[in-house]
Amino acid sequence: ADCLLNPSTVDNMPISILEAFASGVPVVSTCAGGIPDMIEQGVSGLLVPIGDHEAMARELLRVLQDASLAAGLRQAGLRQAERFAWTRVRAQWLDTYRRVAGERRES
């Protein structure tokens, strides 16, 4: 794929964006929910306002017409995918579960 378009109006952390990052596919997405926490504007992807189809089309054309931009988004997306890799977040999840379980035992 040349680009992933994500026109979500509500979404916290779309797996499709992580899959695109991991596959080296540039991402153009709305800024719904937690998506701006995943995408650094202009670095690992391009964000547009929710419902602004014209902005999404413009950003898609930028990615398709600017090889340098697309290459930069691909590289940054690959790095971003590493941040969310199971091997990196597993310990964070386990610590959270242990902390919550410990709090329940203490109360």
Protein backbone atom coordinates (compact mmCIF):
# COMPACT_ATOMS: atom_id res chain seq x y z
CA ALA A 1 0.00 0.00 0.00
CA ASP A 2 1.16 3.54 -0.67
CA CYS A 3 -0.70 5.06 2.28
CA LEU A 4 -3.21 4.21 5.02
CA LEU A 5 -6.19 6.55 5.32
CA ASN A 6 -7.91 6.45 8.68
CA PRO A 7 -11.07 8.63 8.66
CA SER A 8 -12.18 7.64 12.18
CA THR A 9 -14.50 9.88 14.14
CA VAL A 10 -13.97 7.97 17.40
CA ASP A 11 -11.02 5.71 18.15
CA ASN A 12 -8.53 5.32 20.96
CA MET A 13 -5.69 3.30 19.46
CA PRO A 14 -6.44 1.75 16.08
CA ILE A 15 -4.46 -1.42 15.45
CA SER A 16 -4.60 -0.60 11.73
CA ILE A 17 -2.31 2.38 12.35
CA LEU A 18 0.18 0.22 14.26
CA GLU A 19 0.06 -2.35 11.45
CA ALA A 20 0.73 0.37 8.88
CA PHE A 21 3.65 1.68 10.93
CA ALA A 22 5.12 -1.81 11.27
CA SER A 23 4.71 -2.38 7.53
CA GLY A 24 6.37 0.88 6.55
CA VAL A 25 3.16 2.38 5.19
CA PRO A 26 2.66 6.15 5.67
CA VAL A 27 -0.45 7.14 7.63
CA VAL A 28 -2.95 9.97 7.15
CA SER A 29 -5.52 10.02 9.94
CA THR A 30 -8.05 12.15 11.71
CA CYS A 31 -7.07 13.40 15.15
CA ALA A 32 -9.83 11.40 16.86
CA GLY A 33 -9.45 10.11 20.40
CA GLY A 34 -5.98 8.83 21.25
CA ILE A 35 -4.68 8.90 17.69
CA PRO A 36 -2.59 12.06 18.26
CA ASP A 37 -0.80 10.11 21.02
CA MET A 38 0.25 7.58 18.37
CA ILE A 39 1.09 9.95 15.52
CA GLU A 40 3.51 12.84 15.77
CA GLN A 41 2.14 15.34 13.26
CA GLY A 42 4.37 15.63 10.21
CA VAL A 43 6.87 13.14 11.59
CA SER A 44 5.30 9.69 11.92
CA GLY A 45 2.08 10.57 10.11
CA LEU A 46 -0.23 13.35 9.03
CA LEU A 47 -3.26 14.38 11.08
CA VAL A 48 -6.38 16.16 9.85
CA PRO A 49 -9.49 17.41 11.66
CA ILE A 50 -12.34 14.94 12.09
CA GLY A 51 -14.73 15.13 9.15
CA ASP A 52 -12.44 17.25 6.98
CA HIS A 53 -12.39 15.08 3.86
CA GLU A 54 -10.75 17.78 1.77
CA ALA A 55 -7.82 18.00 4.19
CA MET A 56 -7.51 14.22 4.14
CA ALA A 57 -7.44 14.23 0.33
CA ARG A 58 -4.81 17.01 0.32
CA GLU A 59 -2.58 15.13 2.74
CA LEU A 60 -2.97 11.91 0.77
CA LEU A 61 -1.87 13.72 -2.39
CA ARG A 62 1.13 15.16 -0.52
CA VAL A 63 2.21 11.65 0.49
CA LEU A 64 1.71 10.28 -3.02
CA GLN A 65 3.48 13.18 -4.74
CA ASP A 66 6.35 13.82 -2.32
CA ALA A 67 8.69 10.82 -2.19
CA SER A 68 10.87 12.47 0.46
CA LEU A 69 7.88 13.07 2.74
CA ALA A 70 6.65 9.50 2.24
CA ALA A 71 10.11 8.08 3.01
CA GLY A 72 10.37 10.12 6.20
CA LEU A 73 6.92 9.04 7.34
CA ARG A 74 7.81 5.40 6.63
CA GLN A 75 11.00 5.54 8.69
CA ALA A 76 9.38 7.38 11.60
CA GLY A 77 6.42 5.00 11.49
CA LEU A 78 8.73 2.00 11.76
CA ARG A 79 10.37 3.57 14.82
CA GLN A 80 6.94 4.36 16.27
CA ALA A 81 5.84 0.74 15.81
CA GLU A 82 8.74 -0.30 18.04
CA ARG A 83 7.36 1.86 20.86
CA PHE A 84 4.18 -0.22 20.88
CA ALA A 85 5.78 -3.64 20.28
CA TRP A 86 4.62 -6.33 22.71
CA THR A 87 8.19 -6.91 23.87
CA ARG A 88 8.30 -3.27 25.05
CA VAL A 89 4.81 -2.87 26.53
CA ARG A 90 4.50 -6.31 28.15
CA ALA A 91 6.37 -5.22 31.30
CA GLN A 92 4.25 -2.07 31.57
CA TRP A 93 1.04 -4.11 31.38
CA LEU A 94 2.27 -6.63 33.95
CA ASP A 95 3.31 -3.85 36.34
CA THR A 96 -0.12 -2.26 35.98
CA TYR A 97 -1.92 -5.56 36.66
CA ARG A 98 0.29 -6.26 39.68
CA ARG A 99 -0.29 -2.77 41.07
CA VAL A 100 -4.07 -3.03 40.64
CA ALA A 101 -4.13 -6.54 42.13
CA GLY A 102 -2.04 -5.31 45.08
CA GLU A 103 -4.38 -2.38 45.67
CA ARG A 104 -7.38 -4.71 45.72
CA ARG A 105 -5.72 -6.98 48.30
CA GLU A 106 -4.89 -4.01 50.53
CA SER A 107 -8.41 -2.54 50.51
